[in-house]
Protein backbone atom coordinates (compact mmCIF):
# COMPACT_ATOMS: atom_id res chain seq x y z
CA MET A 1 167.90 152.14 54.41
CA HIS A 2 169.54 151.36 51.12
CA GLU A 3 167.00 150.30 48.38
CA TYR A 4 168.44 147.07 46.82
CA VAL A 5 165.70 145.64 44.57
CA ARG A 6 162.95 147.73 42.94
CA LEU A 7 160.07 146.56 40.75
CA ASP A 8 158.42 149.38 38.54
CA GLY A 9 154.82 148.13 37.12
CA VAL A 10 156.03 144.61 36.63
CA THR A 11 153.51 142.68 34.70
CA LYS A 12 153.79 138.95 33.37
CA LYS A 13 151.28 137.36 30.98
CA PHE A 14 151.28 133.79 29.53
CA GLY A 15 148.85 134.15 26.69
CA ASP A 16 145.49 135.75 28.02
CA PHE A 17 146.41 134.77 31.68
CA VAL A 18 147.67 137.63 33.75
CA ALA A 19 150.15 135.97 36.36
CA VAL A 20 151.65 139.03 37.74
CA ASN A 21 149.74 142.27 37.58
CA ASN A 22 151.44 145.63 37.43
CA VAL A 23 153.40 145.05 40.74
CA THR A 24 155.54 148.04 42.13
CA LEU A 25 157.71 147.25 45.23
CA SER A 26 160.86 148.36 46.81
CA ILE A 27 163.01 145.98 48.94
CA ASN A 28 166.08 147.20 51.22
CA GLN A 29 169.57 145.88 51.30
CA GLY A 30 170.02 143.32 53.95
CA GLU A 31 166.03 142.66 54.55
CA ILE A 32 164.25 139.19 54.64
CA PHE A 33 161.16 140.02 52.33
CA CYS A 34 158.39 137.39 52.09
CA LEU A 35 156.08 137.03 49.38
CA LEU A 36 153.05 135.34 50.98
CA GLY A 37 149.92 133.94 49.00
CA GLY A 38 148.10 130.98 48.24
CA SER A 39 148.86 128.77 45.10
CA GLY A 40 148.68 130.44 41.76
CA CYS A 41 148.79 134.10 43.09
CA GLY A 42 151.97 134.74 41.25
CA LYS A 43 154.66 134.76 43.97
CA THR A 44 156.92 132.00 41.99
CA THR A 45 156.60 133.90 38.94
CA LEU A 46 157.69 137.25 40.45
CA LEU A 47 160.73 135.24 41.91
CA ARG A 48 161.70 133.79 38.51
CA MET A 49 161.53 137.32 36.88
CA LEU A 50 163.72 138.55 39.57
CA ALA A 51 166.34 135.57 39.15
CA GLY A 52 166.10 136.17 35.39
CA PHE A 53 164.46 132.73 34.30
CA ASP A 54 161.53 134.67 32.90
CA ALA A 55 161.25 138.15 31.52
CA PRO A 56 158.46 140.66 32.42
CA THR A 57 155.74 141.41 29.82
CA SER A 58 155.93 145.01 30.80
CA GLY A 59 157.37 146.87 33.70
CA SER A 60 161.30 147.10 34.82
CA ILE A 61 163.22 145.11 37.64
CA PHE A 62 166.40 147.09 39.03
CA ILE A 63 168.94 145.23 41.50
CA ASP A 64 171.29 147.54 43.03
CA GLY A 65 170.34 150.46 40.87
CA GLN A 66 170.86 148.48 37.52
CA ASP A 67 168.13 147.72 35.23
CA MET A 68 167.95 143.86 34.76
CA ALA A 69 166.21 144.04 31.26
CA GLY A 70 168.11 141.56 28.87
CA ILE A 71 170.82 140.40 31.75
CA PRO A 72 170.75 136.62 31.75
CA ALA A 73 170.20 134.85 35.31
CA TYR A 74 174.09 133.98 35.41
CA GLU A 75 174.98 137.37 35.15
CA ARG A 76 172.75 138.73 37.79
CA PRO A 77 174.13 139.39 41.65
CA ALA A 78 171.57 136.85 42.75
CA ASN A 79 171.19 133.15 43.40
CA MET A 80 168.09 131.04 43.78
CA MET A 81 167.35 128.11 46.00
CA PHE A 82 164.67 125.99 44.47
CA GLN A 83 162.07 124.10 46.54
CA SER A 84 163.24 120.68 45.20
CA TYR A 85 166.92 121.66 46.36
CA ALA A 86 168.01 120.23 42.80
CA LEU A 87 171.37 118.81 44.21
CA PHE A 88 173.42 116.62 41.93
CA PRO A 89 172.96 112.87 43.34
CA HIS A 90 176.19 111.67 42.15
CA MET A 91 178.08 114.30 44.05
CA THR A 92 179.09 114.53 47.77
CA ALA A 93 177.86 117.59 49.76
CA TRP A 94 181.11 119.23 49.48
CA LYS A 95 181.35 118.77 45.70
CA ASN A 96 177.78 120.23 45.40
CA ILE A 97 178.68 123.26 47.26
CA ALA A 98 181.91 123.69 45.36
CA PHE A 99 180.44 123.09 41.74
CA GLY A 100 179.42 126.54 41.16
CA LEU A 101 183.21 127.96 42.46
CA GLU A 102 184.75 125.31 40.19
CA GLN A 103 182.80 126.77 37.09
CA GLU A 104 184.07 130.33 37.77
CA LYS A 105 187.59 128.87 37.83
CA LEU A 106 188.67 129.75 41.38
CA SER A 107 191.77 128.47 42.92
CA ARG A 108 191.62 125.10 44.76
CA ALA A 109 192.69 126.97 47.95
CA GLU A 110 189.96 129.67 47.57
CA ILE A 111 187.33 127.01 46.95
CA GLY A 112 188.44 124.85 50.06
CA LYS A 113 188.37 127.96 52.09
CA ARG A 114 185.01 129.14 51.11
CA VAL A 115 183.24 125.63 51.10
CA GLY A 116 184.75 125.05 54.49
CA ALA A 117 183.44 128.27 55.80
CA ILE A 118 179.98 127.89 54.58
CA LEU A 119 179.80 124.31 55.91
CA ASP A 120 180.55 125.51 59.41
CA ILE A 121 177.99 128.32 59.15
CA VAL A 122 175.17 125.87 58.12
CA LYS A 123 176.59 123.22 60.69
CA MET A 124 177.23 120.59 58.11
CA THR A 125 181.06 120.16 58.23
CA PRO A 126 180.64 116.49 59.53
CA TYR A 127 178.55 115.49 56.68
CA ALA A 128 180.65 117.05 53.93
CA GLN A 129 181.62 113.69 52.19
CA ARG A 130 178.01 112.25 52.24
CA LYS A 131 175.77 112.09 48.96
CA PRO A 132 172.51 113.59 49.00
CA HIS A 133 170.44 110.21 49.58
CA GLN A 134 172.76 109.68 52.54
CA LEU A 135 171.30 112.93 54.31
CA SER A 136 167.97 113.98 55.97
CA GLY A 137 165.52 116.39 54.48
CA GLY A 138 166.88 119.06 56.80
CA GLN A 139 170.39 118.20 55.96
CA ARG A 140 169.74 118.38 52.27
CA GLN A 141 168.13 121.80 52.60
CA ARG A 142 171.15 123.12 54.50
CA ILE A 143 173.47 121.87 51.63
CA ALA A 144 171.28 123.54 49.18
CA LEU A 145 171.38 126.73 51.04
CA ALA A 146 175.09 126.59 51.48
CA ARG A 147 175.49 126.06 47.59
CA SER A 148 173.24 129.21 47.22
CA LEU A 149 175.43 131.32 49.60
CA VAL A 150 178.88 130.04 48.77
CA LYS A 151 179.05 132.24 45.54
CA ARG A 152 178.35 135.24 48.04
CA PRO A 153 175.30 136.67 46.21
CA LYS A 154 174.12 139.93 47.51
CA LEU A 155 170.47 138.62 46.76
CA LEU A 156 169.30 135.13 47.70
CA LEU A 157 165.84 134.09 46.15
CA LEU A 158 164.16 131.27 48.08
CA ASP A 159 161.20 129.35 46.78
CA GLU A 160 159.34 127.59 49.60
CA PRO A 161 162.77 126.80 51.32
CA LEU A 162 161.37 124.97 54.17
CA GLY A 163 158.44 123.26 52.52
CA ALA A 164 159.78 119.80 52.55
CA LEU A 165 160.50 119.75 56.35
CA ASP A 166 158.43 118.54 59.19
CA LYS A 167 156.87 121.12 61.48
CA LYS A 168 159.59 120.97 64.32
CA LEU A 169 162.57 120.97 62.01
CA ARG A 170 161.05 123.91 60.00
CA GLU A 171 160.54 125.87 63.26
CA GLN A 172 164.22 125.16 64.18
CA THR A 173 165.70 126.01 60.70
CA GLN A 174 163.57 129.39 60.43
CA PHE A 175 165.69 130.73 63.39
CA GLU A 176 168.92 129.15 61.97
CA LEU A 177 168.06 130.98 58.71
CA LEU A 178 167.71 133.98 60.45
CA GLY A 179 171.13 133.72 62.14
CA ILE A 180 172.74 132.90 58.67
CA GLN A 181 171.12 135.89 57.03
CA GLU A 182 172.09 138.26 59.87
CA SER A 183 175.95 136.92 59.92
CA LEU A 184 176.27 137.22 56.18
CA GLY A 185 174.15 140.37 55.52
CA VAL A 186 172.49 138.88 52.27
CA THR A 187 169.07 140.24 51.09
CA PHE A 188 166.69 137.41 51.19
CA ILE A 189 163.58 137.29 49.05
CA VAL A 190 161.50 134.41 50.39
CA VAL A 191 158.28 132.79 48.59
CA THR A 192 155.97 131.02 50.83
CA HIS A 193 152.44 129.89 51.34
CA ASP A 194 153.00 129.42 54.81
CA GLN A 195 151.81 132.30 57.02
CA GLU A 196 153.61 131.29 60.22
CA GLU A 197 156.86 130.93 58.21
CA ALA A 198 156.55 134.58 56.89
CA MET A 199 155.74 135.70 60.17
CA THR A 200 158.76 134.42 61.93
CA LEU A 201 161.21 135.06 59.06
CA ALA A 202 160.36 138.37 57.59
CA THR A 203 161.24 141.96 58.43
CA ARG A 204 158.45 142.71 55.92
CA ILE A 205 155.59 140.92 54.19
CA GLY A 206 153.97 141.31 50.76
CA VAL A 207 150.56 139.44 50.60
CA MET A 208 149.94 138.57 47.24
CA ASN A 209 146.42 137.67 45.57
CA ARG A 210 145.59 137.12 41.95
CA GLY A 211 148.81 138.47 40.70
CA GLU A 212 148.74 141.68 42.75
CA ILE A 213 150.30 142.76 46.06
CA VAL A 214 147.38 143.72 48.04
CA GLN A 215 149.45 144.83 51.27
CA VAL A 216 152.95 145.25 52.37
CA GLY A 217 153.98 145.63 55.77
CA THR A 218 155.86 144.31 59.03
CA PRO A 219 154.36 140.99 60.50
CA PRO A 220 152.61 142.96 63.39
CA ASP A 221 151.22 145.52 60.70
CA ILE A 222 149.86 142.81 58.42
CA TYR A 223 148.29 140.89 61.50
CA GLU A 224 146.84 143.77 63.49
CA PHE A 225 146.05 146.29 60.62
CA PRO A 226 145.08 144.27 57.50
CA SER A 227 144.00 146.50 54.81
CA SER A 228 141.09 144.06 53.53
CA ARG A 229 138.82 141.27 54.39
CA PHE A 230 141.20 138.91 52.20
CA VAL A 231 144.24 139.93 54.17
CA ALA A 232 142.37 139.58 57.54
CA ASP A 233 141.14 136.13 56.59
CA PHE A 234 144.46 134.99 55.00
CA ILE A 235 146.74 135.96 57.89
CA GLY A 236 145.89 133.99 60.81
CA SER A 237 142.47 133.01 62.27
CA VAL A 238 139.72 135.66 62.33
CA ASN A 239 135.94 135.85 63.12
CA MET A 240 134.28 138.25 60.66
CA PHE A 241 131.00 139.79 60.58
CA GLU A 242 129.13 142.12 58.19
CA GLY A 243 127.62 145.20 59.68
CA ARG A 244 126.38 148.88 59.33
CA LEU A 245 128.07 151.79 60.57
CA ILE A 246 125.51 153.63 63.09
CA GLU A 247 127.71 156.15 64.79
CA ASP A 248 130.91 157.71 63.50
CA GLU A 249 133.01 159.94 65.65
CA PRO A 250 136.57 160.92 65.44
CA ASP A 251 137.53 159.04 68.31
CA HIS A 252 135.19 155.93 68.01
CA VAL A 253 132.56 154.22 65.92
CA ARG A 254 129.79 152.04 66.61
CA ILE A 255 128.61 149.24 64.30
CA ARG A 256 125.29 147.27 64.34
CA SER A 257 125.76 143.77 63.22
CA ASP A 258 122.82 141.38 62.57
CA GLU A 259 125.30 138.30 61.82
CA LEU A 260 126.69 138.94 65.24
CA GLY A 261 123.49 139.99 66.95
CA ALA A 262 125.34 142.68 68.74
CA HIS A 263 126.78 146.28 68.61
CA VAL A 264 130.35 146.54 68.24
CA TYR A 265 132.23 149.79 69.80
CA VAL A 266 135.72 150.43 68.46
CA ASP A 267 138.04 153.04 70.11
CA HIS A 268 139.19 154.79 66.99
CA GLY A 269 137.57 156.50 63.93
CA ILE A 270 137.38 155.23 60.31
CA SER A 271 137.21 156.78 57.00
CA ALA A 272 133.52 155.72 56.06
CA ALA A 273 130.14 157.38 55.77
CA PRO A 274 127.56 156.84 58.47
CA GLY A 275 125.10 153.90 57.10
CA ALA A 276 128.10 152.35 55.08
CA THR A 277 128.45 148.59 55.15
CA VAL A 278 131.69 147.47 57.02
CA TRP A 279 133.22 144.22 58.23
CA THR A 280 134.40 143.63 61.77
CA ALA A 281 137.13 141.15 62.27
CA ILE A 282 137.95 139.94 65.74
CA ARG A 283 140.98 137.68 66.28
CA PRO A 284 140.25 134.53 68.63
CA GLU A 285 142.87 135.34 71.00
CA LYS A 286 141.53 138.90 71.66
CA ILE A 287 138.02 137.22 72.90
CA ASN A 288 137.37 136.81 76.68
CA ILE A 289 135.11 133.74 77.42
CA ALA A 290 133.35 133.50 80.80
CA ARG A 291 130.26 131.98 82.30
CA GLU A 292 129.31 135.32 84.08
CA ARG A 293 127.84 138.08 81.94
CA PRO A 294 130.30 141.14 81.97
CA ALA A 295 128.79 144.51 82.86
CA SER A 296 129.36 146.04 79.22
CA GLU A 297 126.47 146.40 76.64
CA ASP A 298 128.78 146.65 73.75
CA ASN A 299 131.18 143.99 72.45
CA LEU A 300 129.33 141.26 74.18
CA VAL A 301 127.39 138.11 72.83
CA HIS A 302 125.98 135.03 74.35
CA GLY A 303 126.46 131.51 73.05
CA ILE A 304 126.80 127.80 73.78
CA VAL A 305 130.19 125.79 73.55
CA LYS A 306 129.88 123.36 70.74
CA GLU A 307 133.41 122.04 70.38
CA ILE A 308 136.94 122.40 72.26
CA ALA A 309 140.38 121.43 70.86
CA TYR A 310 143.12 121.05 73.40
CA MET A 311 146.24 122.18 71.62
CA GLY A 312 148.83 122.00 74.55
CA ASP A 313 149.70 125.60 74.57
CA MET A 314 146.15 126.65 74.15
CA SER A 315 142.73 125.51 73.90
CA MET A 316 140.35 126.66 71.18
CA TYR A 317 136.60 126.81 71.57
CA LEU A 318 134.04 126.84 68.93
CA VAL A 319 130.95 128.76 70.16
CA GLN A 320 127.57 129.18 68.58
CA ILE A 321 126.36 132.42 69.39
CA ASP A 322 122.57 133.32 69.75
CA SER A 323 122.42 134.55 66.05
CA GLY A 324 123.36 131.44 64.81
CA ARG A 325 126.87 132.05 63.66
CA MET A 326 130.12 130.17 65.06
CA MET A 327 132.81 132.18 66.80
CA ARG A 328 136.33 130.71 67.30
CA VAL A 329 137.91 131.56 70.72
CA THR A 330 141.59 130.57 71.84
CA ARG A 331 142.74 130.62 75.49
CA PRO A 332 146.26 130.12 76.74
CA ASN A 333 146.74 127.08 78.88
CA ILE A 334 148.68 128.79 81.64
CA VAL A 335 147.97 126.50 84.33
CA ARG A 336 148.51 122.79 83.87
CA GLN A 337 145.12 121.57 85.27
CA SER A 338 142.21 123.72 85.84
CA GLU A 339 139.34 122.36 87.73
CA ASP A 340 137.05 125.43 86.32
CA ARG A 341 137.69 124.65 82.85
CA ILE A 342 134.80 125.58 80.44
CA SER A 343 133.24 122.52 79.03
CA TRP A 344 131.02 121.35 76.24
CA ASP A 345 127.34 122.54 76.01
CA GLU A 346 128.11 125.16 78.64
CA ALA A 347 126.39 128.71 78.16
CA VAL A 348 129.13 131.47 78.03
CA TRP A 349 129.43 135.21 77.35
CA LEU A 350 132.13 136.38 74.82
CA SER A 351 133.40 139.86 75.15
CA TRP A 352 136.39 141.96 73.82
CA HIS A 353 138.16 145.06 74.20
CA SER A 354 137.01 148.31 72.20
CA SER A 355 140.71 148.30 70.55
CA SER A 356 140.41 144.56 69.70
CA ALA A 357 138.23 144.82 66.52
CA ILE A 358 139.50 145.61 63.06
CA VAL A 359 137.18 147.55 60.88
CA LEU A 360 137.22 146.89 57.37
CA THR A 361 135.64 148.67 54.50
CA GLN A 362 136.59 146.43 51.60
């Protein structure tokens, strides 16, 4: 794949505060790359530097092989869609979209053709003559997207693009965004704090923490093989226990965890010395819950069900295990009504497969 964006050692300081710290990153043409992190981690600052609104304190940014040093925002092959949408309130949707093309002095016919085409793509043709206050949040979001895309940028930068939408509309719009991006072939860089959004949209995710990118990978890589406790805890829900490596073979390791009150057997080796402190992370959906004790000696704990949350598609159990710690377990609700459903205050056994635990050394 053709590299389209490259950041080399990019740092941004505001006085003594380091907002972005020595970020090196490569993004391919036609990718949807998500910068994911909590508030204040530096992701929007990174986006603003790509757009040309802020200059790096040090390091270089290349777009399509060209060094962006000194190149202003309006001369870059990129457009930015803001979280607030920033639509002109006195203009119709059509006029909002056409505005940038009029500034470029395109012919009326060309403007009409381009605006009409992009309105079709975002399914907003019937609303072209409405002003922003006459549109719903989702419709305003589409007009802002159309305005960003009508100038045919090769790179679109989106800052929390779906943050203002309700959950159902956000999910629907995520798939529409994927369709639009696929049909136009534009490279998207999306900033979000919403892990579900990143997992749905991204071809790859860059997880940020304190101004640094701590892991880059595909959504399954980030979820199944996090590189640190921070990433494991930030992406999805996880049960994490400190332990000590007591057996280290090429094809398996065994960990003793007092926090868990059990031995953990993992069916692959890790790079750590015997006796080292490690952390075991187990996703809630990878844990079996049963009244009967399974035959295994490893990967097995006993506990009491303290809370149950019925969430429609699944049920979540909070189980206090014998060590005193709480474990979270999720179970899909495959059948509508189960006579045999585990209830509050029941004694249960929790177990998991030897491939399910993630072993982390940092």
